[in-house]
Amino acid sequence: MAEFSLELEPYRSPVVNVPLHEYLPLWDEFEIEDGNESKVYSDKSYSAKLIGDCSNVDNVEFFVNGFSIDAAYVNGEIKFEDKRIFLDNFGFVQLSINIIYNDNTKISLYSDFYSVMVKDDAVSDSLKCMADYVYSNHEQFLLDENMKSLDSSSLKNSINKSIETQISILNEILIVYRNQYYYFKNNSKFTLCEEGEINNIEKLRVVNNNTINYIVQNPNELHAVTNNSCINIDGDNYLPHKTLIYDYKKSYDIYENRVVINFLSTIVDSIIELQDKIKSKIIKLDCFDKIENGYKNSAYIIYGITKKKLDDFYFKLSEFKLKYVELYKMYISVIPVSKMQIDCVPKPTHIFLKVKQYYSIFNCIIKWFDYGVYDLKKEDFLVPFLANSQLYECYILLKILNCFTENNYNYIQSAKYSYKPSNAKHYQNTRYNNTFVFEGDNRTVTVYYQPVVYAKPNPQSNNINLLRNTKLSMNDTRESTGSYYLPDYIIKFTDDKKDVYLVVDAKFSTVERIKSSYYPVLAFKYLFSLSTINNDDLIAGLCAVGGKVSDDNCELQSIYTNHIPNNYLPYADILSINESSQNNNDELHKTLFMKLFSKYIDL
């Protein structure tokens, strides 16, 4: 296959050379390089050139993170209708092109990932606040039971823990050891061991074979005595000056004490290992922490909350390490024991189970190994959103879910449903829960995140009783025979009579751009190209949510004129939602969402 590459030429900036690959590269945060050649700018105008043998190329289709970009191809030159092709992107972007030859054959090529630079302004502040909101709210809804952290107030078995619960258990163990120190100093269990030493004969209490052997092997110790109760040799009596004398002494080097002491050493080793992992992550994040000519790396903005937590966690672990080292020295000085590797829950011996102070330590060790050392997986939660700009989608999802829970709807359950659309080359199911059920107000509300709407009845519809009713695709040359739709969210309001559907789409874009570029396509797809399977059900409306708006302009607005009745269907709205460090708009956001949802609840 012919080799191709791209030259991206940003306005008044150096050309970016973009190698193209036959296969879609896998996203790996630790393979992303930080350099001028791997950056693109969200607000700069771009043109592009196709480098390679273009003699038989008829056309080129251009995509950013899988989304089509309107472009015209002429003799190797690619001109974009809107030159700011990265305007609504952040984190990392991946480019792809379809090269169409004169004989109608086509090849697809893919770039590596490029970090998106954004202005150090209100947009970057909004990104940071959204990342903070997602990080703080995702666990309740998006993680299944095997992925959730532990509740620091009530530790439960789980694969993963949070930073907070790791701190909690370290602190709990520290307190237990400190409280039990004086018991172990004065009342530790021990065993009596027979111990031999060379000493004066006057201290001999028991004669055994070892004592006799020592006397026989050391005749030089013998001296003559007049006492008859001694060793008689040829009629003369002898006693040794010194001999091997055995006595019973306390030994604290028993199994239980070795466990108690060496577990402290195990914790210190675990802290050091965890600190090494944290340090490697912090170093990786630091390389993106730069401001260049007024631009910030948007990936670092999103990771800012994670880095801050890791910095704080590293400092707290350092404090714990010092405390545990000191505690180990205190215990080993009063209970001398031999080294022992503690890498699993110890044997439940009689002492561990029946002696209160030993049991408290034993219980701490069980907790430690049941929960495991924190593996930092929660700190990787935001990683997938860096590669496909889905942070705003996840942020809006959590806003929607919190809106229902805080407006007298009972959160019943969540689940990760696996959709299986046919002929879906680039489809990927969500990594996290995508179906959420609430009950309240005599109805059930189901929120679907990134669902699939099929073109014909499908048993894998996840109870979404909608169909795509046309194969036509608006402004999308890739999909001349489309078979399914992938809306961002579907919200289903169910009572005992019917299902009412609201389709919601999130765009990190301005209201003006949503109106001019996105809404016509969204309306065609989700208002005109969807049908209900059941006659009584209703597709009642569409709402596009935009993220680039000032705090003062968060609002819900209909696209219809004021002359249209308020109950005119289908509803068609634009909702502006923005997160800012300057103002806490959470209550305003809930009010706007409930204003939107009330239209559908009342139908």
Foldseek 3Di string as FASTA:
>chain_A
DWFKWKWKDWPPDDIATWGKAQDADDDDLVVDDDDPNQEDEQATFIWMFIDTPCVFFDFKWKDKLRHTFAWGDDPRIIGGPGRSPNNQFAQKIKMKMWTAGPVRDIGIIITDIGFYKYFPDQVLQQLLLLLVLCLVQVQVFWADQQPHAADLVDGDFHQAHDLSNLLSLLVVLLVLLVVCLVCCLPPQDWDKDKDKDKDAPVPADDDDPQQVVFCVVCVVQKDFDPDPPADADPNTGIDGRITIHIDIDTALADPLLLCLLQVLVVVLVLLVVVLVVLVVVLVSLVSQQDADPRIHRSNSSSLVVLNVVSVVSSVSSVVSSVSSVVSSVSSCVSHPYDHDDDDAQDDCDPCCVPPVSNVSNSVSRNSDRSHDRHPCVSSCPCVVCSYNVCSQLSSVVSLLVVLQVVPPKAWDDWAQADDDDPPPPPDDGDPTTFWTWIDDPQKIKIKGAFAKAFQDDDPSRVPQQKHQPAQPAPPDPVRRRDTIDGAGMWMWIGHPFEIEIETEHETQDDPVCCVPPPPVRVCCGQVVGMDGNDPRYYDQEYEYEYEPDDPVPFAKDWPDDPVDDPLDGNTYIYGYDTDRPVDDCSVVSSVRVCVVVVSRNVD
